[in-house]
C-alpha atoms as a PDB file:
ATOM      1  CA  MET A   1      34.860  51.093  35.982  1.00  0.00           C
ATOM      2  CA  PRO A   2      38.091  52.202  37.784  1.00  0.00           C
ATOM      3  CA  VAL A   3      39.835  55.310  36.572  1.00  0.00           C
ATOM      4  CA  PRO A   4      43.496  54.751  35.656  1.00  0.00           C
ATOM      5  CA  ALA A   5      45.964  56.649  37.823  1.00  0.00           C
ATOM      6  CA  ALA A   6      47.670  59.572  36.157  1.00  0.00           C
ATOM      7  CA  ALA A   7      51.411  59.335  35.651  1.00  0.00           C
ATOM      8  CA  PRO A   8      53.285  61.394  38.256  1.00  0.00           C
ATOM      9  CA  LYS A   9      54.692  64.635  36.917  1.00  0.00           C
ATOM     10  CA  PRO A  10      58.382  65.299  37.452  1.00  0.00           C
ATOM     11  CA  MET A  11      59.023  67.907  40.132  1.00  0.00           C
ATOM     12  CA  GLN A  12      60.592  71.156  39.012  1.00  0.00           C
ATOM     13  CA  SER A  13      62.436  73.590  41.186  1.00  0.00           C
ATOM     14  CA  THR A  14      61.086  77.119  41.433  1.00  0.00           C
ATOM     15  CA  VAL A  15      64.589  78.469  42.044  1.00  0.00           C
ATOM     16  CA  GLN A  16      65.990  80.233  39.006  1.00  0.00           C
ATOM     17  CA  HIS A  17      69.613  80.134  40.209  1.00  0.00           C
ATOM     18  CA  PRO A  18      71.113  77.833  42.835  1.00  0.00           C
ATOM     19  CA  VAL A  19      71.927  79.587  46.095  1.00  0.00           C
ATOM     20  CA  LEU A  20      75.275  78.818  47.708  1.00  0.00           C
ATOM     21  CA  LEU A  21      75.520  79.432  51.437  1.00  0.00           C
ATOM     22  CA  ASP A  22      79.086  79.689  52.687  1.00  0.00           C
ATOM     23  CA  LEU A  23      78.227  81.741  55.752  1.00  0.00           C
ATOM     24  CA  PRO A  24      74.868  82.468  57.342  1.00  0.00           C
ATOM     25  CA  TYR A  25      72.923  85.268  55.730  1.00  0.00           C
ATOM     26  CA  GLU A  26      72.811  88.777  57.095  1.00  0.00           C
ATOM     27  CA  PRO A  27      70.003  89.314  59.616  1.00  0.00           C
ATOM     28  CA  VAL A  28      67.126  91.570  58.650  1.00  0.00           C
ATOM     29  CA  GLU A  29      67.040  95.147  59.842  1.00  0.00           C
ATOM     30  CA  LYS A  30      66.192  95.366  63.524  1.00  0.00           C
ATOM     31  CA  ARG A  31      63.014  97.107  64.613  1.00  0.00           C
ATOM     32  CA  PRO A  32      62.266  98.453  68.089  1.00  0.00           C
ATOM     33  CA  LEU A  33      60.411  96.095  70.400  1.00  0.00           C
ATOM     34  CA  PRO A  34      56.945  97.068  71.654  1.00  0.00           C
ATOM     35  CA  PRO A  35      57.060  99.200  74.807  1.00  0.00           C
ATOM     36  CA  GLY A  36      55.327  98.441  78.077  1.00  0.00           C
ATOM     37  CA  ARG A  37      56.196  94.773  78.548  1.00  0.00           C
ATOM     38  CA  PRO A  38      57.901  93.401  81.656  1.00  0.00           C
ATOM     39  CA  ARG A  39      61.694  93.164  81.461  1.00  0.00           C
ATOM     40  CA  GLU A  40      61.589  89.344  81.563  1.00  0.00           C
ATOM     41  CA  TRP A  41      59.596  89.331  78.304  1.00  0.00           C
ATOM     42  CA  TYR A  42      62.354  91.264  76.509  1.00  0.00           C
ATOM     43  CA  VAL A  43      65.076  89.010  77.907  1.00  0.00           C
ATOM     44  CA  THR A  44      63.221  85.874  76.801  1.00  0.00           C
ATOM     45  CA  HIS A  45      62.377  87.345  73.387  1.00  0.00           C
ATOM     46  CA  ASN A  46      65.991  88.288  72.656  1.00  0.00           C
ATOM     47  CA  ARG A  47      67.215  84.896  73.895  1.00  0.00           C
ATOM     48  CA  ARG A  48      64.816  83.120  71.529  1.00  0.00           C
ATOM     49  CA  LEU A  49      65.978  85.243  68.584  1.00  0.00           C
ATOM     50  CA  LYS A  50      69.612  84.507  69.382  1.00  0.00           C
ATOM     51  CA  ALA A  51      68.889  80.786  69.722  1.00  0.00           C
ATOM     52  CA  MET A  52      67.124  80.770  66.348  1.00  0.00           C
ATOM     53  CA  ARG A  53      70.036  82.549  64.665  1.00  0.00           C
ATOM     54  CA  LEU A  54      72.487  80.068  66.155  1.00  0.00           C
ATOM     55  CA  ALA A  55      70.354  77.046  65.234  1.00  0.00           C
ATOM     56  CA  ILE A  56      70.121  78.254  61.625  1.00  0.00           C
ATOM     57  CA  ALA A  57      73.883  78.853  61.477  1.00  0.00           C
ATOM     58  CA  LEU A  58      74.566  75.377  62.882  1.00  0.00           C
ATOM     59  CA  LEU A  59      72.216  73.763  60.379  1.00  0.00           C
ATOM     60  CA  ASP A  60      73.891  75.698  57.555  1.00  0.00           C
ATOM     61  CA  SER A  61      77.297  74.473  58.740  1.00  0.00           C
ATOM     62  CA  GLY A  62      76.217  70.820  58.691  1.00  0.00           C
ATOM     63  CA  VAL A  63      75.318  70.211  62.339  1.00  0.00           C
ATOM     64  CA  HIS A  64      71.932  68.520  62.061  1.00  0.00           C
ATOM     65  CA  LEU A  65      71.553  66.650  65.349  1.00  0.00           C
ATOM     66  CA  PRO A  66      71.222  68.222  68.799  1.00  0.00           C
ATOM     67  CA  ASN A  67      73.826  65.878  70.301  1.00  0.00           C
ATOM     68  CA  GLN A  68      76.379  67.237  67.783  1.00  0.00           C
ATOM     69  CA  ALA A  69      75.834  70.767  69.128  1.00  0.00           C
ATOM     70  CA  ARG A  70      77.846  70.942  72.320  1.00  0.00           C
ATOM     71  CA  ASN A  71      78.184  74.262  74.139  1.00  0.00           C
ATOM     72  CA  GLU A  72      81.691  74.796  72.734  1.00  0.00           C
ATOM     73  CA  ARG A  73      80.455  74.273  69.165  1.00  0.00           C
ATOM     74  CA  ILE A  74      77.540  76.657  69.670  1.00  0.00           C
ATOM     75  CA  ARG A  75      79.836  79.301  71.166  1.00  0.00           C
ATOM     76  CA  SER A  76      82.355  78.980  68.339  1.00  0.00           C
ATOM     77  CA  THR A  77      79.499  79.352  65.826  1.00  0.00           C
ATOM     78  CA  ALA A  78      78.366  82.475  67.682  1.00  0.00           C
ATOM     79  CA  GLU A  79      81.852  83.903  67.233  1.00  0.00           C
ATOM     80  CA  VAL A  80      81.767  83.119  63.499  1.00  0.00           C
ATOM     81  CA  ILE A  81      78.417  84.844  62.917  1.00  0.00           C
ATOM     82  CA  GLY A  82      79.322  87.776  65.151  1.00  0.00           C
ATOM     83  CA  VAL A  83      77.052  87.492  68.186  1.00  0.00           C
ATOM     84  CA  HIS A  84      78.024  87.490  71.856  1.00  0.00           C
ATOM     85  CA  PRO A  85      78.795  84.066  73.335  1.00  0.00           C
ATOM     86  CA  PRO A  86      75.536  82.456  74.478  1.00  0.00           C
ATOM     87  CA  SER A  87      74.790  81.389  78.026  1.00  0.00           C
ATOM     88  CA  ASP A  88      74.204  77.767  79.008  1.00  0.00           C
ATOM     89  CA  THR A  89      70.454  78.469  78.917  1.00  0.00           C
ATOM     90  CA  THR A  90      70.655  79.752  75.351  1.00  0.00           C
ATOM     91  CA  CYS A  91      72.758  76.743  74.301  1.00  0.00           C
ATOM     92  CA  HIS A  92      70.084  74.473  75.766  1.00  0.00           C
ATOM     93  CA  MET A  93      67.443  76.403  73.807  1.00  0.00           C
ATOM     94  CA  VAL A  94      69.435  75.980  70.569  1.00  0.00           C
ATOM     95  CA  ARG A  95      69.492  72.216  71.042  1.00  0.00           C
ATOM     96  CA  ALA A  96      65.767  72.211  71.847  1.00  0.00           C
ATOM     97  CA  LEU A  97      65.029  74.110  68.619  1.00  0.00           C
ATOM     98  CA  MET A  98      67.094  71.611  66.640  1.00  0.00           C
ATOM     99  CA  ARG A  99      65.314  68.709  68.335  1.00  0.00           C
ATOM    100  CA  TYR A 100      61.792  69.978  67.682  1.00  0.00           C
ATOM    101  CA  SER A 101      62.431  70.901  64.060  1.00  0.00           C
ATOM    102  CA  ARG A 102      62.891  67.229  63.119  1.00  0.00           C
END
């Protein structure tokens, strides 16, 4: 005898208060990087962090597709959130992060 399917329960949010994001949030406190790595590791690590910050800020501002994020838009977002203007390589990395998150 088949068991009847249970009625789906309505989903409830676990958020007590809605969160409004006008500007990107403040970054967490920086910690020193581990010593003893080659310089290229530190450069790549910092570039990835910057690209993630920029991708999050772009997503928060309504830019959801990589083709909407031109270098000029990424650099103007960097100015808004207070980081140095990114290089072409970092802009490419921002678009790659946006592409792979879909």
